[in-house]
């Protein structure tokens, strides 16, 4: 980890620790979870907006595209549309990506069907 990565990660961690649920946040405009497709495609080799996850706070299960994404934080913050709990945080530095999914109990990623080879003996 570079000094710049450490400084950015420390600043983000300090801000989140001070207000982890965002209770003191000013009402902000959000966009839907489809906004996560590009940034997460840089990390995963698939479109994660089609993935299904469950909120660790209220148990709401649904596609990541339904999350409310606040892009004006230090990085991206995605909240549950049911209870506003933080489900995902994504922060980029020049050399790293920091992905925090502790607000989700699972993430189910759709995988393409790969039929068995034919004619194998």
PDB file of N, CA and C in Angstrom:
ATOM      1  N   UNK A   1       0.860  -1.179   0.000  1.00  0.00           N
ATOM      2  CA  UNK A   1       0.000   0.000   0.000  1.00  0.00           C
ATOM      3  C   UNK A   1       0.896   1.228   0.000  1.00  0.00           C
ATOM      4  N   UNK A   2       0.617   2.158  -0.891  1.00  0.00           N
ATOM      5  CA  UNK A   2       1.407   3.379  -0.959  1.00  0.00           C
ATOM      6  C   UNK A   2       0.981   4.320   0.159  1.00  0.00           C
ATOM      7  N   UNK A   3       1.798   5.347   0.414  1.00  0.00           N
ATOM      8  CA  UNK A   3       1.446   6.347   1.425  1.00  0.00           C
ATOM      9  C   UNK A   3       0.144   7.045   1.064  1.00  0.00           C
ATOM     10  N   UNK A   4      -0.052   7.317  -0.237  1.00  0.00           N
ATOM     11  CA  UNK A   4      -1.285   7.980  -0.669  1.00  0.00           C
ATOM     12  C   UNK A   4      -2.496   7.077  -0.429  1.00  0.00           C
ATOM     13  N   UNK A   5      -2.386   5.773  -0.741  1.00  0.00           N
ATOM     14  CA  UNK A   5      -3.476   4.828  -0.484  1.00  0.00           C
ATOM     15  C   UNK A   5      -3.808   4.795   1.001  1.00  0.00           C
ATOM     16  N   UNK A   6      -2.765   4.718   1.829  1.00  0.00           N
ATOM     17  CA  UNK A   6      -2.969   4.650   3.276  1.00  0.00           C
ATOM     18  C   UNK A   6      -3.658   5.913   3.784  1.00  0.00           C
ATOM     19  N   UNK A   7      -3.246   7.076   3.302  1.00  0.00           N
ATOM     20  CA  UNK A   7      -3.851   8.337   3.724  1.00  0.00           C
ATOM     21  C   UNK A   7      -5.319   8.398   3.328  1.00  0.00           C
ATOM     22  N   UNK A   8      -5.625   8.025   2.093  1.00  0.00           N
ATOM     23  CA  UNK A   8      -7.013   8.050   1.626  1.00  0.00           C
ATOM     24  C   UNK A   8      -7.840   7.041   2.401  1.00  0.00           C
ATOM     25  N   UNK A   9      -7.322   5.819   2.561  1.00  0.00           N
ATOM     26  CA  UNK A   9      -8.063   4.782   3.287  1.00  0.00           C
ATOM     27  C   UNK A   9      -8.299   5.201   4.734  1.00  0.00           C
ATOM     28  N   UNK A  10      -7.314   5.824   5.370  1.00  0.00           N
ATOM     29  CA  UNK A  10      -7.469   6.281   6.750  1.00  0.00           C
ATOM     30  C   UNK A  10      -8.534   7.365   6.863  1.00  0.00           C
ATOM     31  N   UNK A  11      -8.534   8.296   5.907  1.00  0.00           N
ATOM     32  CA  UNK A  11      -9.526   9.376   5.921  1.00  0.00           C
ATOM     33  C   UNK A  11     -10.937   8.815   5.749  1.00  0.00           C
ATOM     34  N   UNK A  12     -11.083   7.868   4.842  1.00  0.00           N
ATOM     35  CA  UNK A  12     -12.404   7.251   4.621  1.00  0.00           C
ATOM     36  C   UNK A  12     -12.829   6.482   5.862  1.00  0.00           C
ATOM     37  N   UNK A  13     -11.922   5.695   6.429  1.00  0.00           N
ATOM     38  CA  UNK A  13     -12.253   4.915   7.628  1.00  0.00           C
ATOM     39  C   UNK A  13     -12.633   5.827   8.785  1.00  0.00           C
ATOM     40  N   UNK A  14     -11.912   6.944   8.964  1.00  0.00           N
ATOM     41  CA  UNK A  14     -12.227   7.887  10.035  1.00  0.00           C
ATOM     42  C   UNK A  14     -13.608   8.483   9.847  1.00  0.00           C
ATOM     43  N   UNK A  15     -13.942   8.853   8.609  1.00  0.00           N
ATOM     44  CA  UNK A  15     -15.254   9.451   8.343  1.00  0.00           C
ATOM     45  C   UNK A  15     -16.379   8.450   8.586  1.00  0.00           C
ATOM     46  N   UNK A  16     -16.167   7.198   8.130  1.00  0.00           N
ATOM     47  CA  UNK A  16     -17.193   6.179   8.316  1.00  0.00           C
ATOM     48  C   UNK A  16     -17.331   5.787   9.781  1.00  0.00           C
ATOM     49  N   UNK A  17     -16.228   5.767  10.517  1.00  0.00           N
ATOM     50  CA  UNK A  17     -16.280   5.426  11.936  1.00  0.00           C
ATOM     51  C   UNK A  17     -17.023   6.503  12.721  1.00  0.00           C
ATOM     52  N   UNK A  18     -16.872   7.749  12.303  1.00  0.00           N
ATOM     53  CA  UNK A  18     -17.544   8.852  12.995  1.00  0.00           C
ATOM     54  C   UNK A  18     -19.054   8.815  12.791  1.00  0.00           C
ATOM     55  N   UNK A  19     -19.503   8.302  11.664  1.00  0.00           N
ATOM     56  CA  UNK A  19     -20.936   8.269  11.352  1.00  0.00           C
ATOM     57  C   UNK A  19     -21.225   7.062  10.466  1.00  0.00           C
ATOM     58  N   UNK A  20     -21.071   5.811  10.999  1.00  0.00           N
ATOM     59  CA  UNK A  20     -21.147   4.623  10.152  1.00  0.00           C
ATOM     60  C   UNK A  20     -22.482   4.417   9.467  1.00  0.00           C
ATOM     61  N   UNK A  21     -23.563   4.814  10.084  1.00  0.00           N
ATOM     62  CA  UNK A  21     -24.882   4.613   9.473  1.00  0.00           C
ATOM     63  C   UNK A  21     -25.320   5.829   8.677  1.00  0.00           C
ATOM     64  N   UNK A  22     -24.534   6.880   8.719  1.00  0.00           N
ATOM     65  CA  UNK A  22     -24.892   8.076   7.974  1.00  0.00           C
ATOM     66  C   UNK A  22     -26.032   8.846   8.609  1.00  0.00           C
ATOM     67  N   UNK A  23     -26.244   8.664   9.932  1.00  0.00           N
ATOM     68  CA  UNK A  23     -27.371   9.302  10.604  1.00  0.00           C
ATOM     69  C   UNK A  23     -27.293  10.821  10.531  1.00  0.00           C
ATOM     70  N   UNK A  24     -26.078  11.363  10.494  1.00  0.00           N
ATOM     71  CA  UNK A  24     -25.927  12.808  10.458  1.00  0.00           C
ATOM     72  C   UNK A  24     -25.812  13.368   9.059  1.00  0.00           C
ATOM     73  N   UNK A  25     -26.046  12.558   8.055  1.00  0.00           N
ATOM     74  CA  UNK A  25     -25.861  13.041   6.688  1.00  0.00           C
ATOM     75  C   UNK A  25     -26.991  13.968   6.265  1.00  0.00           C
ATOM     76  N   UNK A  26     -26.652  14.856   5.406  1.00  0.00           N
ATOM     77  CA  UNK A  26     -27.638  15.755   4.816  1.00  0.00           C
ATOM     78  C   UNK A  26     -28.331  14.983   3.704  1.00  0.00           C
ATOM     79  N   UNK A  27     -29.626  15.161   3.582  1.00  0.00           N
ATOM     80  CA  UNK A  27     -30.351  14.470   2.516  1.00  0.00           C
ATOM     81  C   UNK A  27     -29.688  14.789   1.186  1.00  0.00           C
ATOM     82  N   UNK A  28     -29.359  13.763   0.454  1.00  0.00           N
ATOM     83  CA  UNK A  28     -28.661  13.944  -0.816  1.00  0.00           C
ATOM     84  C   UNK A  28     -29.396  13.197  -1.910  1.00  0.00           C
ATOM     85  N   UNK A  29     -29.190  13.636  -3.118  1.00  0.00           N
ATOM     86  CA  UNK A  29     -29.751  12.941  -4.259  1.00  0.00           C
ATOM     87  C   UNK A  29     -28.972  11.654  -4.462  1.00  0.00           C
ATOM     88  N   UNK A  30     -29.669  10.617  -4.823  1.00  0.00           N
ATOM     89  CA  UNK A  30     -29.019   9.354  -5.115  1.00  0.00           C
ATOM     90  C   UNK A  30     -29.405   8.909  -6.517  1.00  0.00           C
ATOM     91  N   UNK A  31     -28.637   7.956  -7.030  1.00  0.00           N
ATOM     92  CA  UNK A  31     -28.950   7.334  -8.307  1.00  0.00           C
ATOM     93  C   UNK A  31     -29.151   5.850  -8.036  1.00  0.00           C
ATOM     94  N   UNK A  32     -29.751   5.120  -8.974  1.00  0.00           N
ATOM     95  CA  UNK A  32     -29.991   3.709  -8.711  1.00  0.00           C
ATOM     96  C   UNK A  32     -28.715   2.897  -8.877  1.00  0.00           C
ATOM     97  N   UNK A  33     -28.786   1.653  -8.429  1.00  0.00           N
ATOM     98  CA  UNK A  33     -27.624   0.780  -8.391  1.00  0.00           C
ATOM     99  C   UNK A  33     -27.029   0.426  -9.733  1.00  0.00           C
ATOM    100  N   UNK A  34     -27.724   0.730 -10.833  1.00  0.00           N
ATOM    101  CA  UNK A  34     -27.131   0.507 -12.152  1.00  0.00           C
ATOM    102  C   UNK A  34     -25.849   1.320 -12.313  1.00  0.00           C
ATOM    103  N   UNK A  35     -25.723   2.391 -11.530  1.00  0.00           N
ATOM    104  CA  UNK A  35     -24.537   3.235 -11.582  1.00  0.00           C
ATOM    105  C   UNK A  35     -23.289   2.452 -11.166  1.00  0.00           C
ATOM    106  N   UNK A  36     -23.472   1.368 -10.396  1.00  0.00           N
ATOM    107  CA  UNK A  36     -22.342   0.568  -9.926  1.00  0.00           C
ATOM    108  C   UNK A  36     -21.754  -0.330 -11.012  1.00  0.00           C
ATOM    109  N   UNK A  37     -22.468  -0.514 -12.111  1.00  0.00           N
ATOM    110  CA  UNK A  37     -22.038  -1.462 -13.145  1.00  0.00           C
ATOM    111  C   UNK A  37     -20.632  -1.162 -13.653  1.00  0.00           C
ATOM    112  N   UNK A  38     -20.355   0.070 -14.017  1.00  0.00           N
ATOM    113  CA  UNK A  38     -19.035   0.422 -14.549  1.00  0.00           C
ATOM    114  C   UNK A  38     -17.921   0.279 -13.528  1.00  0.00           C
ATOM    115  N   UNK A  39     -18.043   0.934 -12.360  1.00  0.00           N
ATOM    116  CA  UNK A  39     -16.971   0.824 -11.369  1.00  0.00           C
ATOM    117  C   UNK A  39     -16.719  -0.607 -10.897  1.00  0.00           C
ATOM    118  N   UNK A  40     -17.790  -1.405 -10.713  1.00  0.00           N
ATOM    119  CA  UNK A  40     -17.581  -2.773 -10.246  1.00  0.00           C
ATOM    120  C   UNK A  40     -17.098  -3.685 -11.366  1.00  0.00           C
ATOM    121  N   UNK A  41     -17.386  -3.337 -12.609  1.00  0.00           N
ATOM    122  CA  UNK A  41     -16.890  -4.146 -13.735  1.00  0.00           C
ATOM    123  C   UNK A  41     -15.364  -4.050 -13.793  1.00  0.00           C
ATOM    124  N   UNK A  42     -14.803  -2.954 -13.302  1.00  0.00           N
ATOM    125  CA  UNK A  42     -13.355  -2.824 -13.259  1.00  0.00           C
ATOM    126  C   UNK A  42     -12.744  -3.814 -12.278  1.00  0.00           C
ATOM    127  N   UNK A  43     -13.524  -4.263 -11.284  1.00  0.00           N
ATOM    128  CA  UNK A  43     -13.035  -5.186 -10.263  1.00  0.00           C
ATOM    129  C   UNK A  43     -13.430  -6.622 -10.604  1.00  0.00           C
ATOM    130  N   UNK A  44     -14.694  -6.815 -10.958  1.00  0.00           N
ATOM    131  CA  UNK A  44     -15.209  -8.134 -11.298  1.00  0.00           C
ATOM    132  C   UNK A  44     -15.242  -8.279 -12.818  1.00  0.00           C
ATOM    133  N   UNK A  45     -15.224  -9.493 -13.293  1.00  0.00           N
ATOM    134  CA  UNK A  45     -15.244  -9.730 -14.735  1.00  0.00           C
ATOM    135  C   UNK A  45     -16.666  -9.934 -15.233  1.00  0.00           C
ATOM    136  N   UNK A  46     -17.640  -9.314 -14.584  1.00  0.00           N
ATOM    137  CA  UNK A  46     -19.035  -9.460 -14.969  1.00  0.00           C
ATOM    138  C   UNK A  46     -19.832  -8.241 -14.537  1.00  0.00           C
ATOM    139  N   UNK A  47     -21.053  -8.143 -15.013  1.00  0.00           N
ATOM    140  CA  UNK A  47     -21.945  -7.050 -14.637  1.00  0.00           C
ATOM    141  C   UNK A  47     -22.578  -7.371 -13.286  1.00  0.00           C
ATOM    142  N   UNK A  48     -22.123  -6.697 -12.245  1.00  0.00           N
ATOM    143  CA  UNK A  48     -22.591  -6.982 -10.893  1.00  0.00           C
ATOM    144  C   UNK A  48     -23.961  -6.352 -10.619  1.00  0.00           C
ATOM    145  N   UNK A  49     -24.421  -5.445 -11.475  1.00  0.00           N
ATOM    146  CA  UNK A  49     -25.740  -4.848 -11.237  1.00  0.00           C
ATOM    147  C   UNK A  49     -26.842  -5.898 -11.340  1.00  0.00           C
ATOM    148  N   UNK A  50     -26.578  -7.019 -12.001  1.00  0.00           N
ATOM    149  CA  UNK A  50     -27.560  -8.111 -12.091  1.00  0.00           C
ATOM    150  C   UNK A  50     -27.468  -9.058 -10.896  1.00  0.00           C
ATOM    151  N   UNK A  51     -26.477  -8.864 -10.051  1.00  0.00           N
ATOM    152  CA  UNK A  51     -26.324  -9.711  -8.863  1.00  0.00           C
ATOM    153  C   UNK A  51     -27.448  -9.433  -7.876  1.00  0.00           C
ATOM    154  N   UNK A  52     -27.728 -10.415  -7.034  1.00  0.00           N
ATOM    155  CA  UNK A  52     -28.749 -10.285  -5.997  1.00  0.00           C
ATOM    156  C   UNK A  52     -28.043 -10.352  -4.653  1.00  0.00           C
ATOM    157  N   UNK A  53     -28.444  -9.470  -3.749  1.00  0.00           N
ATOM    158  CA  UNK A  53     -27.872  -9.469  -2.412  1.00  0.00           C
ATOM    159  C   UNK A  53     -28.950  -9.284  -1.367  1.00  0.00           C
ATOM    160  N   UNK A  54     -28.571  -9.499  -0.111  1.00  0.00           N
ATOM    161  CA  UNK A  54     -29.498  -9.322   1.005  1.00  0.00           C
ATOM    162  C   UNK A  54     -28.918  -8.311   1.990  1.00  0.00           C
ATOM    163  N   UNK A  55     -29.743  -7.352   2.393  1.00  0.00           N
ATOM    164  CA  UNK A  55     -29.342  -6.343   3.372  1.00  0.00           C
ATOM    165  C   UNK A  55     -29.129  -7.006   4.731  1.00  0.00           C
ATOM    166  N   UNK A  56     -28.001  -6.742   5.352  1.00  0.00           N
ATOM    167  CA  UNK A  56     -27.691  -7.304   6.659  1.00  0.00           C
ATOM    168  C   UNK A  56     -28.544  -6.690   7.759  1.00  0.00           C
ATOM    169  N   UNK A  57     -29.122  -5.539   7.505  1.00  0.00           N
ATOM    170  CA  UNK A  57     -29.909  -4.858   8.525  1.00  0.00           C
ATOM    171  C   UNK A  57     -31.372  -5.304   8.526  1.00  0.00           C
ATOM    172  N   UNK A  58     -32.053  -5.193   7.376  1.00  0.00           N
ATOM    173  CA  UNK A  58     -33.492  -5.483   7.337  1.00  0.00           C
ATOM    174  C   UNK A  58     -33.841  -6.786   6.633  1.00  0.00           C
ATOM    175  N   UNK A  59     -32.877  -7.412   5.951  1.00  0.00           N
ATOM    176  CA  UNK A  59     -33.123  -8.676   5.273  1.00  0.00           C
ATOM    177  C   UNK A  59     -33.729  -8.559   3.889  1.00  0.00           C
ATOM    178  N   UNK A  60     -33.923  -7.330   3.398  1.00  0.00           N
ATOM    179  CA  UNK A  60     -34.473  -7.147   2.051  1.00  0.00           C
ATOM    180  C   UNK A  60     -33.524  -7.769   1.036  1.00  0.00           C
ATOM    181  N   UNK A  61     -34.065  -8.603   0.159  1.00  0.00           N
ATOM    182  CA  UNK A  61     -33.283  -9.250  -0.881  1.00  0.00           C
ATOM    183  C   UNK A  61     -33.695  -8.688  -2.229  1.00  0.00           C
ATOM    184  N   UNK A  62     -32.706  -8.323  -3.043  1.00  0.00           N
ATOM    185  CA  UNK A  62     -33.019  -7.779  -4.357  1.00  0.00           C
ATOM    186  C   UNK A  62     -31.769  -7.532  -5.163  1.00  0.00           C
ATOM    187  N   UNK A  63     -31.956  -7.102  -6.409  1.00  0.00           N
ATOM    188  CA  UNK A  63     -30.803  -6.847  -7.281  1.00  0.00           C
ATOM    189  C   UNK A  63     -30.005  -5.632  -6.817  1.00  0.00           C
ATOM    190  N   UNK A  64     -28.716  -5.675  -7.062  1.00  0.00           N
ATOM    191  CA  UNK A  64     -27.879  -4.534  -6.713  1.00  0.00           C
ATOM    192  C   UNK A  64     -28.312  -3.286  -7.475  1.00  0.00           C
ATOM    193  N   UNK A  65     -28.931  -3.460  -8.625  1.00  0.00           N
ATOM    194  CA  UNK A  65     -29.410  -2.317  -9.400  1.00  0.00           C
ATOM    195  C   UNK A  65     -30.473  -1.529  -8.640  1.00  0.00           C
ATOM    196  N   UNK A  66     -31.114  -2.124  -7.639  1.00  0.00           N
ATOM    197  CA  UNK A  66     -32.147  -1.437  -6.868  1.00  0.00           C
ATOM    198  C   UNK A  66     -31.567  -0.617  -5.713  1.00  0.00           C
ATOM    199  N   UNK A  67     -30.267  -0.778  -5.427  1.00  0.00           N
ATOM    200  CA  UNK A  67     -29.660  -0.006  -4.341  1.00  0.00           C
ATOM    201  C   UNK A  67     -29.683   1.478  -4.668  1.00  0.00           C
ATOM    202  N   UNK A  68     -29.681   2.303  -3.644  1.00  0.00           N
ATOM    203  CA  UNK A  68     -29.603   3.753  -3.817  1.00  0.00           C
ATOM    204  C   UNK A  68     -28.150   4.161  -3.664  1.00  0.00           C
ATOM    205  N   UNK A  69     -27.555   4.627  -4.736  1.00  0.00           N
ATOM    206  CA  UNK A  69     -26.125   4.937  -4.755  1.00  0.00           C
ATOM    207  C   UNK A  69     -25.918   6.431  -4.595  1.00  0.00           C
ATOM    208  N   UNK A  70     -25.115   6.787  -3.609  1.00  0.00           N
ATOM    209  CA  UNK A  70     -24.764   8.178  -3.342  1.00  0.00           C
ATOM    210  C   UNK A  70     -23.332   8.386  -3.837  1.00  0.00           C
ATOM    211  N   UNK A  71     -23.180   9.003  -5.018  1.00  0.00           N
ATOM    212  CA  UNK A  71     -21.844   9.130  -5.604  1.00  0.00           C
ATOM    213  C   UNK A  71     -21.051  10.324  -5.094  1.00  0.00           C
ATOM    214  N   UNK A  72     -21.595  11.123  -4.203  1.00  0.00           N
ATOM    215  CA  UNK A  72     -20.922  12.347  -3.762  1.00  0.00           C
ATOM    216  C   UNK A  72     -20.175  12.169  -2.452  1.00  0.00           C
ATOM    217  N   UNK A  73     -20.067  10.953  -1.970  1.00  0.00           N
ATOM    218  CA  UNK A  73     -19.272  10.655  -0.782  1.00  0.00           C
ATOM    219  C   UNK A  73     -17.822  10.470  -1.240  1.00  0.00           C
ATOM    220  N   UNK A  74     -16.911  10.212  -0.305  1.00  0.00           N
ATOM    221  CA  UNK A  74     -15.567   9.858  -0.775  1.00  0.00           C
ATOM    222  C   UNK A  74     -15.634   8.449  -1.356  1.00  0.00           C
ATOM    223  N   UNK A  75     -15.953   8.350  -2.624  1.00  0.00           N
ATOM    224  CA  UNK A  75     -16.199   7.069  -3.259  1.00  0.00           C
ATOM    225  C   UNK A  75     -17.695   6.903  -3.468  1.00  0.00           C
ATOM    226  N   UNK A  76     -18.132   5.662  -3.624  1.00  0.00           N
ATOM    227  CA  UNK A  76     -19.548   5.361  -3.824  1.00  0.00           C
ATOM    228  C   UNK A  76     -20.104   4.686  -2.584  1.00  0.00           C
ATOM    229  N   UNK A  77     -21.273   5.111  -2.161  1.00  0.00           N
ATOM    230  CA  UNK A  77     -21.961   4.496  -1.024  1.00  0.00           C
ATOM    231  C   UNK A  77     -23.318   4.035  -1.526  1.00  0.00           C
ATOM    232  N   UNK A  78     -23.611   2.731  -1.386  1.00  0.00           N
ATOM    233  CA  UNK A  78     -24.891   2.180  -1.830  1.00  0.00           C
ATOM    234  C   UNK A  78     -25.698   1.761  -0.613  1.00  0.00           C
ATOM    235  N   UNK A  79     -26.936   2.250  -0.547  1.00  0.00           N
ATOM    236  CA  UNK A  79     -27.802   1.986   0.604  1.00  0.00           C
ATOM    237  C   UNK A  79     -29.002   1.137   0.206  1.00  0.00           C
ATOM    238  N   UNK A  80     -29.499   0.387   1.154  1.00  0.00           N
ATOM    239  CA  UNK A  80     -30.681  -0.443   0.975  1.00  0.00           C
ATOM    240  C   UNK A  80     -31.894   0.453   0.717  1.00  0.00           C
ATOM    241  N   UNK A  81     -32.713   0.139  -0.297  1.00  0.00           N
ATOM    242  CA  UNK A  81     -33.906   0.956  -0.548  1.00  0.00           C
ATOM    243  C   UNK A  81     -34.989   0.748   0.506  1.00  0.00           C
ATOM    244  N   UNK A  82     -34.864  -0.312   1.309  1.00  0.00           N
ATOM    245  CA  UNK A  82     -35.859  -0.588   2.336  1.00  0.00           C
ATOM    246  C   UNK A  82     -35.610   0.116   3.653  1.00  0.00           C
ATOM    247  N   UNK A  83     -34.331   0.146   4.086  1.00  0.00           N
ATOM    248  CA  UNK A  83     -34.038   0.699   5.417  1.00  0.00           C
ATOM    249  C   UNK A  83     -32.938   1.756   5.422  1.00  0.00           C
ATOM    250  N   UNK A  84     -32.320   2.019   4.274  1.00  0.00           N
ATOM    251  CA  UNK A  84     -31.245   3.009   4.139  1.00  0.00           C
ATOM    252  C   UNK A  84     -29.924   2.580   4.786  1.00  0.00           C
ATOM    253  N   UNK A  85     -29.805   1.317   5.197  1.00  0.00           N
ATOM    254  CA  UNK A  85     -28.553   0.798   5.753  1.00  0.00           C
ATOM    255  C   UNK A  85     -27.502   0.763   4.641  1.00  0.00           C
ATOM    256  N   UNK A  86     -26.244   1.061   4.964  1.00  0.00           N
ATOM    257  CA  UNK A  86     -25.162   0.992   3.978  1.00  0.00           C
ATOM    258  C   UNK A  86     -24.894  -0.473   3.651  1.00  0.00           C
ATOM    259  N   UNK A  87     -25.036  -0.823   2.377  1.00  0.00           N
ATOM    260  CA  UNK A  87     -24.803  -2.186   1.910  1.00  0.00           C
ATOM    261  C   UNK A  87     -23.419  -2.317   1.292  1.00  0.00           C
ATOM    262  N   UNK A  88     -22.970  -1.283   0.588  1.00  0.00           N
ATOM    263  CA  UNK A  88     -21.711  -1.348  -0.153  1.00  0.00           C
ATOM    264  C   UNK A  88     -21.015  -0.001  -0.120  1.00  0.00           C
ATOM    265  N   UNK A  89     -19.693  -0.054  -0.011  1.00  0.00           N
ATOM    266  CA  UNK A  89     -18.854   1.137  -0.164  1.00  0.00           C
ATOM    267  C   UNK A  89     -17.747   0.774  -1.148  1.00  0.00           C
ATOM    268  N   UNK A  90     -17.465   1.671  -2.078  1.00  0.00           N
ATOM    269  CA  UNK A  90     -16.381   1.458  -3.036  1.00  0.00           C
ATOM    270  C   UNK A  90     -15.578   2.748  -3.132  1.00  0.00           C
ATOM    271  N   UNK A  91     -14.296   2.648  -2.798  1.00  0.00           N
ATOM    272  CA  UNK A  91     -13.390   3.796  -2.869  1.00  0.00           C
ATOM    273  C   UNK A  91     -12.222   3.412  -3.769  1.00  0.00           C
ATOM    274  N   UNK A  92     -11.898   4.291  -4.700  1.00  0.00           N
ATOM    275  CA  UNK A  92     -10.774   4.076  -5.608  1.00  0.00           C
ATOM    276  C   UNK A  92      -9.646   5.028  -5.254  1.00  0.00           C
ATOM    277  N   UNK A  93      -8.439   4.503  -5.300  1.00  0.00           N
ATOM    278  CA  UNK A  93      -7.238   5.322  -5.177  1.00  0.00           C
ATOM    279  C   UNK A  93      -6.477   5.138  -6.487  1.00  0.00           C
ATOM    280  N   UNK A  94      -5.402   5.833  -6.684  1.00  0.00           N
ATOM    281  CA  UNK A  94      -4.651   5.641  -7.930  1.00  0.00           C
ATOM    282  C   UNK A  94      -4.145   4.211  -8.133  1.00  0.00           C
ATOM    283  N   UNK A  95      -3.953   3.464  -7.042  1.00  0.00           N
ATOM    284  CA  UNK A  95      -3.381   2.119  -7.180  1.00  0.00           C
ATOM    285  C   UNK A  95      -4.239   0.994  -6.624  1.00  0.00           C
ATOM    286  N   UNK A  96      -5.384   1.312  -6.014  1.00  0.00           N
ATOM    287  CA  UNK A  96      -6.185   0.268  -5.366  1.00  0.00           C
ATOM    288  C   UNK A  96      -7.671   0.571  -5.440  1.00  0.00           C
ATOM    289  N   UNK A  97      -8.462  -0.465  -5.224  1.00  0.00           N
ATOM    290  CA  UNK A  97      -9.901  -0.316  -5.053  1.00  0.00           C
ATOM    291  C   UNK A  97     -10.253  -0.942  -3.707  1.00  0.00           C
ATOM    292  N   UNK A  98     -11.024  -0.221  -2.911  1.00  0.00           N
ATOM    293  CA  UNK A  98     -11.449  -0.690  -1.593  1.00  0.00           C
ATOM    294  C   UNK A  98     -12.939  -0.977  -1.667  1.00  0.00           C
ATOM    295  N   UNK A  99     -13.320  -2.251  -1.513  1.00  0.00           N
ATOM    296  CA  UNK A  99     -14.710  -2.666  -1.607  1.00  0.00           C
ATOM    297  C   UNK A  99     -15.151  -3.220  -0.262  1.00  0.00           C
ATOM    298  N   UNK A 100     -16.162  -2.595   0.327  1.00  0.00           N
ATOM    299  CA  UNK A 100     -16.695  -3.006   1.628  1.00  0.00           C
ATOM    300  C   UNK A 100     -18.123  -3.489   1.407  1.00  0.00           C
ATOM    301  N   UNK A 101     -18.366  -4.766   1.613  1.00  0.00           N
ATOM    302  CA  UNK A 101     -19.690  -5.364   1.448  1.00  0.00           C
ATOM    303  C   UNK A 101     -20.262  -5.849   2.780  1.00  0.00           C
ATOM    304  N   UNK A 102     -19.770  -5.331   3.903  1.00  0.00           N
ATOM    305  CA  UNK A 102     -20.228  -5.859   5.190  1.00  0.00           C
ATOM    306  C   UNK A 102     -21.709  -5.600   5.448  1.00  0.00           C
ATOM    307  N   UNK A 103     -22.339  -4.713   4.677  1.00  0.00           N
ATOM    308  CA  UNK A 103     -23.764  -4.457   4.838  1.00  0.00           C
ATOM    309  C   UNK A 103     -24.645  -5.443   4.099  1.00  0.00           C
ATOM    310  N   UNK A 104     -24.026  -6.423   3.430  1.00  0.00           N
ATOM    311  CA  UNK A 104     -24.775  -7.454   2.706  1.00  0.00           C
ATOM    312  C   UNK A 104     -24.469  -8.811   3.330  1.00  0.00           C
ATOM    313  N   UNK A 105     -25.500  -9.631   3.535  1.00  0.00           N
ATOM    314  CA  UNK A 105     -25.247 -10.966   4.077  1.00  0.00           C
ATOM    315  C   UNK A 105     -24.786 -11.922   2.995  1.00  0.00           C
ATOM    316  N   UNK A 106     -25.153 -11.648   1.734  1.00  0.00           N
ATOM    317  CA  UNK A 106     -24.638 -12.439   0.625  1.00  0.00           C
ATOM    318  C   UNK A 106     -24.732 -11.638  -0.659  1.00  0.00           C
ATOM    319  N   UNK A 107     -24.001 -12.101  -1.640  1.00  0.00           N
ATOM    320  CA  UNK A 107     -24.035 -11.550  -2.992  1.00  0.00           C
ATOM    321  C   UNK A 107     -24.079 -12.746  -3.940  1.00  0.00           C
ATOM    322  N   UNK A 108     -25.212 -12.929  -4.640  1.00  0.00           N
ATOM    323  CA  UNK A 108     -25.350 -14.035  -5.592  1.00  0.00           C
ATOM    324  C   UNK A 108     -25.112 -13.490  -6.993  1.00  0.00           C
ATOM    325  N   UNK A 109     -24.074 -14.004  -7.644  1.00  0.00           N
ATOM    326  CA  UNK A 109     -23.691 -13.546  -8.972  1.00  0.00           C
ATOM    327  C   UNK A 109     -24.194 -14.530 -10.022  1.00  0.00           C
ATOM    328  N   UNK A 110     -24.897 -14.040 -11.044  1.00  0.00           N
ATOM    329  CA  UNK A 110     -25.351 -14.947 -12.102  1.00  0.00           C
ATOM    330  C   UNK A 110     -24.161 -15.436 -12.921  1.00  0.00           C
ATOM    331  N   UNK A 111     -24.119 -16.717 -13.163  1.00  0.00           N
ATOM    332  CA  UNK A 111     -23.043 -17.310 -13.955  1.00  0.00           C
ATOM    333  C   UNK A 111     -23.643 -17.889 -15.223  1.00  0.00           C
ATOM    334  N   UNK A 112     -22.966 -17.745 -16.350  1.00  0.00           N
ATOM    335  CA  UNK A 112     -23.485 -18.322 -17.587  1.00  0.00           C
ATOM    336  C   UNK A 112     -23.473 -19.841 -17.499  1.00  0.00           C
ATOM    337  N   UNK A 113     -24.488 -20.452 -18.086  1.00  0.00           N
ATOM    338  CA  UNK A 113     -24.560 -21.903 -18.097  1.00  0.00           C
ATOM    339  C   UNK A 113     -23.489 -22.430 -19.048  1.00  0.00           C
ATOM    340  N   UNK A 114     -22.702 -23.354 -18.574  1.00  0.00           N
ATOM    341  CA  UNK A 114     -21.642 -23.945 -19.381  1.00  0.00           C
ATOM    342  C   UNK A 114     -21.953 -25.435 -19.514  1.00  0.00           C
ATOM    343  N   UNK A 115     -22.630 -25.828 -20.609  1.00  0.00           N
ATOM    344  CA  UNK A 115     -23.011 -27.227 -20.747  1.00  0.00           C
ATOM    345  C   UNK A 115     -21.780 -28.128 -20.857  1.00  0.00           C
ATOM    346  N   UNK A 116     -21.932 -29.365 -20.412  1.00  0.00           N
ATOM    347  CA  UNK A 116     -20.790 -30.285 -20.528  1.00  0.00           C
ATOM    348  C   UNK A 116     -20.440 -30.524 -21.995  1.00  0.00           C
ATOM    349  N   UNK A 117     -19.197 -30.787 -22.286  1.00  0.00           N
ATOM    350  CA  UNK A 117     -18.793 -31.034 -23.669  1.00  0.00           C
ATOM    351  C   UNK A 117     -19.498 -32.284 -24.233  1.00  0.00           C
ATOM    352  N   UNK A 118     -19.873 -32.222 -25.478  1.00  0.00           N
ATOM    353  CA  UNK A 118     -20.502 -33.376 -26.113  1.00  0.00           C
ATOM    354  C   UNK A 118     -19.452 -34.261 -26.760  1.00  0.00           C
ATOM    355  N   UNK A 119     -19.752 -35.542 -26.818  1.00  0.00           N
ATOM    356  CA  UNK A 119     -18.863 -36.492 -27.469  1.00  0.00           C
ATOM    357  C   UNK A 119     -17.656 -36.876 -26.653  1.00  0.00           C
ATOM    358  N   UNK A 120     -17.625 -36.457 -25.384  1.00  0.00           N
ATOM    359  CA  UNK A 120     -16.482 -36.840 -24.540  1.00  0.00           C
ATOM    360  C   UNK A 120     -16.613 -38.311 -24.159  1.00  0.00           C
ATOM    361  N   UNK A 121     -15.542 -39.036 -24.254  1.00  0.00           N
ATOM    362  CA  UNK A 121     -15.601 -40.463 -23.921  1.00  0.00           C
ATOM    363  C   UNK A 121     -14.737 -40.765 -22.747  1.00  0.00           C
TER     364      UNK A 121
END
